[in-house]
PDB file of N, CA and C in Angstrom:
ATOM      1  N   MET A   1      -6.343   2.391  -8.390  1.00  0.00           N
ATOM      2  CA  MET A   1      -6.041   2.093  -6.718  1.00  0.00           C
ATOM      3  C   MET A   1      -4.132   2.101  -6.648  1.00  0.00           C
ATOM      4  N   GLY A   2      -3.890   3.420  -6.891  1.00  0.00           N
ATOM      5  CA  GLY A   2      -2.018   3.294  -6.671  1.00  0.00           C
ATOM      6  C   GLY A   2      -2.055   3.551  -4.951  1.00  0.00           C
ATOM      7  N   ALA A   3      -2.963   3.073  -4.390  1.00  0.00           N
ATOM      8  CA  ALA A   3      -2.373   2.873  -3.225  1.00  0.00           C
ATOM      9  C   ALA A   3      -0.978   2.381  -2.361  1.00  0.00           C
ATOM     10  N   PHE A   4      -0.883   1.511  -2.792  1.00  0.00           N
ATOM     11  CA  PHE A   4       0.453   0.571  -2.748  1.00  0.00           C
ATOM     12  C   PHE A   4       1.318   0.557  -3.798  1.00  0.00           C
ATOM     13  N   ALA A   5       2.428  -0.764  -3.288  1.00  0.00           N
ATOM     14  CA  ALA A   5       3.122  -0.918  -4.682  1.00  0.00           C
ATOM     15  C   ALA A   5       3.435  -2.178  -4.127  1.00  0.00           C
ATOM     16  N   TYR A   6       3.882  -3.021  -4.985  1.00  0.00           N
ATOM     17  CA  TYR A   6       3.975  -4.506  -5.383  1.00  0.00           C
ATOM     18  C   TYR A   6       5.901  -4.637  -4.892  1.00  0.00           C
ATOM     19  N   GLU A   7       5.895  -5.104  -3.768  1.00  0.00           N
ATOM     20  CA  GLU A   7       7.343  -5.875  -3.720  1.00  0.00           C
ATOM     21  C   GLU A   7       7.721  -6.811  -4.138  1.00  0.00           C
ATOM     22  N   ALA A   8       6.842  -8.233  -4.032  1.00  0.00           N
ATOM     23  CA  ALA A   8       6.938  -9.215  -4.271  1.00  0.00           C
ATOM     24  C   ALA A   8       5.404 -10.084  -4.714  1.00  0.00           C
ATOM     25  N   GLU A   9       5.499 -11.051  -5.091  1.00  0.00           N
ATOM     26  CA  GLU A   9       3.990 -11.719  -5.928  1.00  0.00           C
ATOM     27  C   GLU A   9       4.925 -13.382  -6.064  1.00  0.00           C
ATOM     28  N   GLN A  10       3.686 -13.831  -5.657  1.00  0.00           N
ATOM     29  CA  GLN A  10       4.013 -15.499  -6.332  1.00  0.00           C
ATOM     30  C   GLN A  10       2.632 -15.619  -6.579  1.00  0.00           C
ATOM     31  N   THR A  11       2.375 -17.196  -6.780  1.00  0.00           N
ATOM     32  CA  THR A  11       1.403 -17.199  -7.617  1.00  0.00           C
ATOM     33  C   THR A  11       1.372 -19.065  -7.398  1.00  0.00           C
ATOM     34  N   ILE A  12       0.412 -20.218  -6.771  1.00  0.00           N
ATOM     35  CA  ILE A  12       0.912 -21.556  -6.666  1.00  0.00           C
ATOM     36  C   ILE A  12      -1.164 -21.764  -6.972  1.00  0.00           C
ATOM     37  N   SER A  13      -0.975 -22.995  -7.659  1.00  0.00           N
ATOM     38  CA  SER A  13      -1.843 -24.024  -7.995  1.00  0.00           C
ATOM     39  C   SER A  13      -2.423 -24.471  -7.048  1.00  0.00           C
ATOM     40  N   ILE A  14      -3.411 -24.804  -6.427  1.00  0.00           N
ATOM     41  CA  ILE A  14      -3.583 -25.821  -5.805  1.00  0.00           C
ATOM     42  C   ILE A  14      -4.947 -26.547  -6.523  1.00  0.00           C
ATOM     43  N   SER A  15      -5.413 -27.844  -7.239  1.00  0.00           N
ATOM     44  CA  SER A  15      -6.465 -27.949  -7.535  1.00  0.00           C
ATOM     45  C   SER A  15      -6.868 -27.911  -8.865  1.00  0.00           C
ATOM     46  N   ASP A  16      -7.809 -26.841  -8.512  1.00  0.00           N
ATOM     47  CA  ASP A  16      -8.426 -25.824  -9.670  1.00  0.00           C
ATOM     48  C   ASP A  16      -8.212 -24.753  -9.142  1.00  0.00           C
ATOM     49  N   ALA A  17      -8.023 -24.739  -8.025  1.00  0.00           N
ATOM     50  CA  ALA A  17      -7.751 -23.253  -7.699  1.00  0.00           C
ATOM     51  C   ALA A  17      -6.277 -22.657  -7.988  1.00  0.00           C
ATOM     52  N   GLN A  18      -6.375 -21.008  -7.874  1.00  0.00           N
ATOM     53  CA  GLN A  18      -4.933 -20.166  -8.221  1.00  0.00           C
ATOM     54  C   GLN A  18      -4.811 -18.906  -6.787  1.00  0.00           C
ATOM     55  N   ILE A  19      -4.141 -19.174  -6.163  1.00  0.00           N
ATOM     56  CA  ILE A  19      -3.760 -18.287  -5.200  1.00  0.00           C
ATOM     57  C   ILE A  19      -2.686 -17.429  -5.080  1.00  0.00           C
ATOM     58  N   VAL A  20      -3.091 -16.136  -5.263  1.00  0.00           N
ATOM     59  CA  VAL A  20      -1.833 -15.272  -5.436  1.00  0.00           C
ATOM     60  C   VAL A  20      -1.453 -14.536  -4.130  1.00  0.00           C
ATOM     61  N   PHE A  21      -0.373 -14.561  -3.860  1.00  0.00           N
ATOM     62  CA  PHE A  21       0.432 -14.187  -2.749  1.00  0.00           C
ATOM     63  C   PHE A  21       1.534 -12.408  -3.104  1.00  0.00           C
ATOM     64  N   ILE A  22       1.048 -11.426  -2.632  1.00  0.00           N
ATOM     65  CA  ILE A  22       1.544 -10.094  -2.906  1.00  0.00           C
ATOM     66  C   ILE A  22       2.189  -9.438  -1.615  1.00  0.00           C
ATOM     67  N   HIS A  23       3.225  -9.200  -1.677  1.00  0.00           N
ATOM     68  CA  HIS A  23       3.831  -8.408  -0.421  1.00  0.00           C
ATOM     69  C   HIS A  23       3.681  -7.387  -0.846  1.00  0.00           C
ATOM     70  N   LEU A  24       2.493  -6.014   0.004  1.00  0.00           N
ATOM     71  CA  LEU A  24       2.302  -4.593  -0.370  1.00  0.00           C
ATOM     72  C   LEU A  24       2.732  -4.258   0.338  1.00  0.00           C
ATOM     73  N   ILE A  25       3.888  -2.902   0.289  1.00  0.00           N
ATOM     74  CA  ILE A  25       3.969  -1.635   1.084  1.00  0.00           C
ATOM     75  C   ILE A  25       3.125  -0.412   0.764  1.00  0.00           C
ATOM     76  N   TYR A  26       2.052   0.380   1.658  1.00  0.00           N
ATOM     77  CA  TYR A  26       2.149   1.364   1.596  1.00  0.00           C
ATOM     78  C   TYR A  26       2.632   2.575   1.320  1.00  0.00           C
ATOM     79  N   HIS A  27       2.514   3.348   0.450  1.00  0.00           N
ATOM     80  CA  HIS A  27       3.594   4.775   0.177  1.00  0.00           C
ATOM     81  C   HIS A  27       2.916   5.719   1.275  1.00  0.00           C
ATOM     82  N   SER A  28       3.169   6.639   1.523  1.00  0.00           N
ATOM     83  CA  SER A  28       3.306   7.368   3.224  1.00  0.00           C
ATOM     84  C   SER A  28       2.518   8.521   2.087  1.00  0.00           C
ATOM     85  N   ASN A  29       2.353   9.215   1.314  1.00  0.00           N
ATOM     86  CA  ASN A  29       1.594  10.090   0.336  1.00  0.00           C
ATOM     87  C   ASN A  29       0.224   9.266  -0.372  1.00  0.00           C
ATOM     88  N   LYS A  30       0.161   7.885  -0.446  1.00  0.00           N
ATOM     89  CA  LYS A  30      -1.290   7.549  -0.773  1.00  0.00           C
ATOM     90  C   LYS A  30      -1.941   6.462   0.147  1.00  0.00           C
ATOM     91  N   LEU A  31      -2.817   7.663   0.713  1.00  0.00           N
ATOM     92  CA  LEU A  31      -3.162   7.207   2.168  1.00  0.00           C
ATOM     93  C   LEU A  31      -4.849   6.222   2.209  1.00  0.00           C
ATOM     94  N   PHE A  32      -5.362   6.060   0.383  1.00  0.00           N
ATOM     95  CA  PHE A  32      -6.832   5.822   0.435  1.00  0.00           C
ATOM     96  C   PHE A  32      -7.137   5.023  -0.705  1.00  0.00           C
ATOM     97  N   THR A  33      -7.606   4.049  -1.131  1.00  0.00           N
ATOM     98  CA  THR A  33      -8.160   3.210  -2.476  1.00  0.00           C
ATOM     99  C   THR A  33      -9.461   3.350  -2.147  1.00  0.00           C
ATOM    100  N   ASP A  34     -10.083   3.500  -3.237  1.00  0.00           N
ATOM    101  CA  ASP A  34     -11.564   3.897  -3.336  1.00  0.00           C
ATOM    102  C   ASP A  34     -11.909   2.453  -3.494  1.00  0.00           C
ATOM    103  N   ASN A  35     -13.605   2.542  -3.502  1.00  0.00           N
ATOM    104  CA  ASN A  35     -14.767   1.461  -3.240  1.00  0.00           C
ATOM    105  C   ASN A  35     -14.053   0.504  -4.339  1.00  0.00           C
ATOM    106  N   HIS A  36     -14.058  -0.820  -4.352  1.00  0.00           N
ATOM    107  CA  HIS A  36     -13.594  -1.519  -5.278  1.00  0.00           C
ATOM    108  C   HIS A  36     -14.242  -3.013  -4.711  1.00  0.00           C
ATOM    109  N   VAL A  37     -14.617  -3.793  -6.176  1.00  0.00           N
ATOM    110  CA  VAL A  37     -15.132  -5.300  -5.379  1.00  0.00           C
ATOM    111  C   VAL A  37     -14.556  -6.565  -6.222  1.00  0.00           C
ATOM    112  N   HIS A  38     -13.987  -7.438  -5.877  1.00  0.00           N
ATOM    113  CA  HIS A  38     -13.500  -8.699  -6.252  1.00  0.00           C
ATOM    114  C   HIS A  38     -14.455  -9.606  -6.636  1.00  0.00           C
ATOM    115  N   SER A  39     -14.522 -10.452  -7.226  1.00  0.00           N
ATOM    116  CA  SER A  39     -15.329 -11.734  -7.560  1.00  0.00           C
ATOM    117  C   SER A  39     -14.841 -12.817  -6.820  1.00  0.00           C
ATOM    118  N   TYR A  40     -13.602 -12.962  -6.254  1.00  0.00           N
ATOM    119  CA  TYR A  40     -12.822 -13.670  -5.215  1.00  0.00           C
ATOM    120  C   TYR A  40     -12.552 -13.400  -4.003  1.00  0.00           C
ATOM    121  N   TYR A  41     -12.078 -13.889  -3.032  1.00  0.00           N
ATOM    122  CA  TYR A  41     -12.006 -14.336  -1.782  1.00  0.00           C
ATOM    123  C   TYR A  41     -10.529 -13.543  -1.598  1.00  0.00           C
ATOM    124  N   GLU A  42     -10.590 -12.367  -0.615  1.00  0.00           N
ATOM    125  CA  GLU A  42      -8.969 -11.656  -0.630  1.00  0.00           C
ATOM    126  C   GLU A  42      -8.867 -11.484   1.232  1.00  0.00           C
ATOM    127  N   PHE A  43      -7.318 -11.892   1.108  1.00  0.00           N
ATOM    128  CA  PHE A  43      -7.101 -12.257   2.726  1.00  0.00           C
ATOM    129  C   PHE A  43      -6.200 -11.046   2.874  1.00  0.00           C
ATOM    130  N   HIS A  44      -5.959 -10.058   3.902  1.00  0.00           N
ATOM    131  CA  HIS A  44      -5.320  -9.353   4.118  1.00  0.00           C
ATOM    132  C   HIS A  44      -4.449  -9.371   5.408  1.00  0.00           C
ATOM    133  N   TYR A  45      -3.679  -9.392   5.468  1.00  0.00           N
ATOM    134  CA  TYR A  45      -2.585  -9.713   6.800  1.00  0.00           C
ATOM    135  C   TYR A  45      -1.744  -8.828   6.859  1.00  0.00           C
ATOM    136  N   ILE A  46      -1.798  -7.781   8.117  1.00  0.00           N
ATOM    137  CA  ILE A  46      -1.119  -7.030   8.115  1.00  0.00           C
ATOM    138  C   ILE A  46       0.285  -6.744   9.319  1.00  0.00           C
ATOM    139  N   THR A  47       1.161  -6.469   8.017  1.00  0.00           N
ATOM    140  CA  THR A  47       2.717  -6.641   9.457  1.00  0.00           C
ATOM    141  C   THR A  47       3.126  -5.481   9.910  1.00  0.00           C
ATOM    142  N   GLU A  48       2.689  -4.509   9.670  1.00  0.00           N
ATOM    143  CA  GLU A  48       3.007  -2.917  10.282  1.00  0.00           C
ATOM    144  C   GLU A  48       1.906  -1.938  10.330  1.00  0.00           C
ATOM    145  N   GLY A  49       1.550  -1.250  11.231  1.00  0.00           N
ATOM    146  CA  GLY A  49       0.938  -0.553  11.262  1.00  0.00           C
ATOM    147  C   GLY A  49      -0.816  -0.494  11.389  1.00  0.00           C
ATOM    148  N   THR A  50      -1.761   0.167  10.714  1.00  0.00           N
ATOM    149  CA  THR A  50      -2.788  -0.510  10.906  1.00  0.00           C
ATOM    150  C   THR A  50      -3.625   0.288   9.425  1.00  0.00           C
ATOM    151  N   THR A  51      -4.636  -0.480   9.320  1.00  0.00           N
ATOM    152  CA  THR A  51      -5.557  -0.143   7.932  1.00  0.00           C
ATOM    153  C   THR A  51      -6.876  -0.282   8.391  1.00  0.00           C
ATOM    154  N   SER A  52      -7.489   0.463   7.870  1.00  0.00           N
ATOM    155  CA  SER A  52      -8.693   0.790   8.062  1.00  0.00           C
ATOM    156  C   SER A  52      -9.733   0.477   7.181  1.00  0.00           C
ATOM    157  N   TYR A  53     -10.174  -0.718   7.061  1.00  0.00           N
ATOM    158  CA  TYR A  53     -11.320  -1.049   5.894  1.00  0.00           C
ATOM    159  C   TYR A  53     -12.709  -0.517   6.062  1.00  0.00           C
ATOM    160  N   THR A  54     -13.832   0.011   4.910  1.00  0.00           N
ATOM    161  CA  THR A  54     -14.800   0.053   4.981  1.00  0.00           C
ATOM    162  C   THR A  54     -15.074  -1.154   3.945  1.00  0.00           C
ATOM    163  N   MET A  55     -16.591  -1.757   4.656  1.00  0.00           N
ATOM    164  CA  MET A  55     -16.997  -3.211   4.233  1.00  0.00           C
ATOM    165  C   MET A  55     -18.144  -2.697   3.936  1.00  0.00           C
ATOM    166  N   ASN A  56     -18.836  -2.549   2.315  1.00  0.00           N
ATOM    167  CA  ASN A  56     -20.202  -2.547   1.877  1.00  0.00           C
ATOM    168  C   ASN A  56     -20.730  -0.992   1.866  1.00  0.00           C
ATOM    169  N   PHE A  57     -19.678   0.233   2.375  1.00  0.00           N
ATOM    170  CA  PHE A  57     -20.242   1.327   2.005  1.00  0.00           C
ATOM    171  C   PHE A  57     -20.551   1.285   3.585  1.00  0.00           C
ATOM    172  N   GLY A  58     -20.330   0.720   4.717  1.00  0.00           N
ATOM    173  CA  GLY A  58     -20.835   0.716   6.180  1.00  0.00           C
ATOM    174  C   GLY A  58     -19.707   1.378   6.876  1.00  0.00           C
ATOM    175  N   GLY A  59     -19.368   0.463   8.160  1.00  0.00           N
ATOM    176  CA  GLY A  59     -18.313   1.005   9.288  1.00  0.00           C
ATOM    177  C   GLY A  59     -17.020   0.754   9.079  1.00  0.00           C
ATOM    178  N   ALA A  60     -16.437   1.365   9.530  1.00  0.00           N
ATOM    179  CA  ALA A  60     -14.909   0.977   9.438  1.00  0.00           C
ATOM    180  C   ALA A  60     -14.795   0.025  10.376  1.00  0.00           C
ATOM    181  N   ILE A  61     -13.260  -0.784   9.546  1.00  0.00           N
ATOM    182  CA  ILE A  61     -12.740  -2.101  10.385  1.00  0.00           C
ATOM    183  C   ILE A  61     -11.408  -2.044  10.612  1.00  0.00           C
ATOM    184  N   PRO A  62     -10.885  -1.530  11.969  1.00  0.00           N
ATOM    185  CA  PRO A  62      -9.173  -1.357  11.742  1.00  0.00           C
ATOM    186  C   PRO A  62      -8.497  -2.598  12.042  1.00  0.00           C
ATOM    187  N   VAL A  63      -7.547  -3.095  11.304  1.00  0.00           N
ATOM    188  CA  VAL A  63      -7.051  -3.982  11.363  1.00  0.00           C
ATOM    189  C   VAL A  63      -5.368  -3.722  11.171  1.00  0.00           C
ATOM    190  N   SER A  64      -4.556  -4.114  12.492  1.00  0.00           N
ATOM    191  CA  SER A  64      -3.721  -3.721  12.536  1.00  0.00           C
ATOM    192  C   SER A  64      -2.486  -4.944  12.835  1.00  0.00           C
ATOM    193  N   ALA A  65      -1.079  -4.564  12.954  1.00  0.00           N
ATOM    194  CA  ALA A  65      -0.169  -5.593  12.640  1.00  0.00           C
ATOM    195  C   ALA A  65      -0.552  -6.687  13.257  1.00  0.00           C
ATOM    196  N   GLY A  66       0.018  -7.609  12.933  1.00  0.00           N
ATOM    197  CA  GLY A  66      -0.391  -9.440  13.436  1.00  0.00           C
ATOM    198  C   GLY A  66      -1.885  -9.539  13.058  1.00  0.00           C
ATOM    199  N   GLU A  67      -2.814  -9.032  12.768  1.00  0.00           N
ATOM    200  CA  GLU A  67      -4.148  -8.967  12.544  1.00  0.00           C
ATOM    201  C   GLU A  67      -4.325  -9.262  11.215  1.00  0.00           C
ATOM    202  N   TRP A  68      -6.020  -9.947  10.705  1.00  0.00           N
ATOM    203  CA  TRP A  68      -5.750 -10.174   9.279  1.00  0.00           C
ATOM    204  C   TRP A  68      -7.294  -9.775   9.383  1.00  0.00           C
ATOM    205  N   LEU A  69      -7.610  -9.827   8.034  1.00  0.00           N
ATOM    206  CA  LEU A  69      -9.363  -9.635   7.445  1.00  0.00           C
ATOM    207  C   LEU A  69      -9.723 -10.579   6.463  1.00  0.00           C
ATOM    208  N   LEU A  70     -10.537 -11.273   6.216  1.00  0.00           N
ATOM    209  CA  LEU A  70     -10.591 -12.002   4.985  1.00  0.00           C
ATOM    210  C   LEU A  70     -12.407 -11.267   4.198  1.00  0.00           C
ATOM    211  N   ILE A  71     -11.974 -11.192   2.901  1.00  0.00           N
ATOM    212  CA  ILE A  71     -12.864 -10.017   1.964  1.00  0.00           C
ATOM    213  C   ILE A  71     -13.647 -11.494   1.308  1.00  0.00           C
ATOM    214  N   GLY A  72     -14.754 -11.263   1.407  1.00  0.00           N
ATOM    215  CA  GLY A  72     -15.543 -12.750   0.321  1.00  0.00           C
ATOM    216  C   GLY A  72     -16.036 -11.889  -1.135  1.00  0.00           C
ATOM    217  N   PRO A  73     -16.068 -12.837  -2.172  1.00  0.00           N
ATOM    218  CA  PRO A  73     -16.570 -12.216  -3.034  1.00  0.00           C
ATOM    219  C   PRO A  73     -18.461 -10.899  -3.064  1.00  0.00           C
ATOM    220  N   ASP A  74     -17.492 -10.459  -4.211  1.00  0.00           N
ATOM    221  CA  ASP A  74     -18.785  -9.282  -4.268  1.00  0.00           C
ATOM    222  C   ASP A  74     -19.047  -8.395  -3.161  1.00  0.00           C
ATOM    223  N   ALA A  75     -17.671  -8.417  -2.270  1.00  0.00           N
ATOM    224  CA  ALA A  75     -17.950  -7.552  -1.209  1.00  0.00           C
ATOM    225  C   ALA A  75     -17.236  -6.004  -1.568  1.00  0.00           C
ATOM    226  N   TRP A  76     -18.128  -5.148  -1.488  1.00  0.00           N
ATOM    227  CA  TRP A  76     -17.472  -3.969  -1.140  1.00  0.00           C
ATOM    228  C   TRP A  76     -16.340  -3.103  -0.423  1.00  0.00           C
ATOM    229  N   TYR A  77     -15.557  -2.965  -0.663  1.00  0.00           N
ATOM    230  CA  TYR A  77     -14.783  -2.230   0.086  1.00  0.00           C
ATOM    231  C   TYR A  77     -13.509  -1.064  -0.504  1.00  0.00           C
ATOM    232  N   GLU A  78     -13.277  -0.275   0.885  1.00  0.00           N
ATOM    233  CA  GLU A  78     -11.845   0.329   0.459  1.00  0.00           C
ATOM    234  C   GLU A  78     -10.941   0.299   1.602  1.00  0.00           C
ATOM    235  N   GLU A  79      -9.601   0.692   1.502  1.00  0.00           N
ATOM    236  CA  GLU A  79      -8.934   0.802   2.267  1.00  0.00           C
ATOM    237  C   GLU A  79      -8.008   2.309   2.800  1.00  0.00           C
ATOM    238  N   SER A  80      -8.038   2.735   3.976  1.00  0.00           N
ATOM    239  CA  SER A  80      -7.256   3.834   4.245  1.00  0.00           C
ATOM    240  C   SER A  80      -6.281   3.622   5.164  1.00  0.00           C
ATOM    241  N   ILE A  81      -5.010   4.050   5.265  1.00  0.00           N
ATOM    242  CA  ILE A  81      -3.848   3.923   6.152  1.00  0.00           C
ATOM    243  C   ILE A  81      -4.440   4.643   7.286  1.00  0.00           C
ATOM    244  N   VAL A  82      -4.317   4.402   8.965  1.00  0.00           N
ATOM    245  CA  VAL A  82      -4.188   4.867   9.904  1.00  0.00           C
ATOM    246  C   VAL A  82      -2.872   5.064  10.583  1.00  0.00           C
ATOM    247  N   ALA A  83      -2.165   4.198  10.208  1.00  0.00           N
ATOM    248  CA  ALA A  83      -0.740   4.318  10.788  1.00  0.00           C
ATOM    249  C   ALA A  83       0.275   3.227   9.483  1.00  0.00           C
ATOM    250  N   LYS A  84       1.097   4.058   9.335  1.00  0.00           N
ATOM    251  CA  LYS A  84       1.906   3.740   8.197  1.00  0.00           C
ATOM    252  C   LYS A  84       1.715   1.800   8.390  1.00  0.00           C
ATOM    253  N   SER A  85       1.726   1.390   7.178  1.00  0.00           N
ATOM    254  CA  SER A  85       1.030   0.144   7.156  1.00  0.00           C
ATOM    255  C   SER A  85       2.050  -0.468   5.599  1.00  0.00           C
ATOM    256  N   SER A  86       1.697  -1.773   6.007  1.00  0.00           N
ATOM    257  CA  SER A  86       2.450  -2.847   4.658  1.00  0.00           C
ATOM    258  C   SER A  86       1.696  -3.950   5.453  1.00  0.00           C
ATOM    259  N   GLY A  87       1.558  -4.791   4.593  1.00  0.00           N
ATOM    260  CA  GLY A  87       1.244  -5.960   5.009  1.00  0.00           C
ATOM    261  C   GLY A  87       1.230  -7.314   3.429  1.00  0.00           C
ATOM    262  N   TYR A  88       0.039  -8.274   4.110  1.00  0.00           N
ATOM    263  CA  TYR A  88       0.768  -9.169   2.275  1.00  0.00           C
ATOM    264  C   TYR A  88      -1.402  -9.659   2.538  1.00  0.00           C
ATOM    265  N   VAL A  89      -1.661  -9.912   1.000  1.00  0.00           N
ATOM    266  CA  VAL A  89      -2.957 -10.378   0.159  1.00  0.00           C
ATOM    267  C   VAL A  89      -2.822 -11.785  -0.289  1.00  0.00           C
TER     268      VAL A  89
END
């Protein structure tokens, strides 16, 4: 998954849960991440451009600046940059 670079990362703990915030900046020459899955929830907030998410090998969901997407545990997904994009996970 070399489609993005980490600019900053911060981890906080609330009760028994650990929350990791990562600021992502996408490289213009890496426009795609392969299908992958996590065992936890993942929250994506797009601050610039548009990223398309293909969920569970199905249809694409475009997420643009100012929009967010919550991906549940065990959901397979891939990301494709539609327009130069960056955001937070």
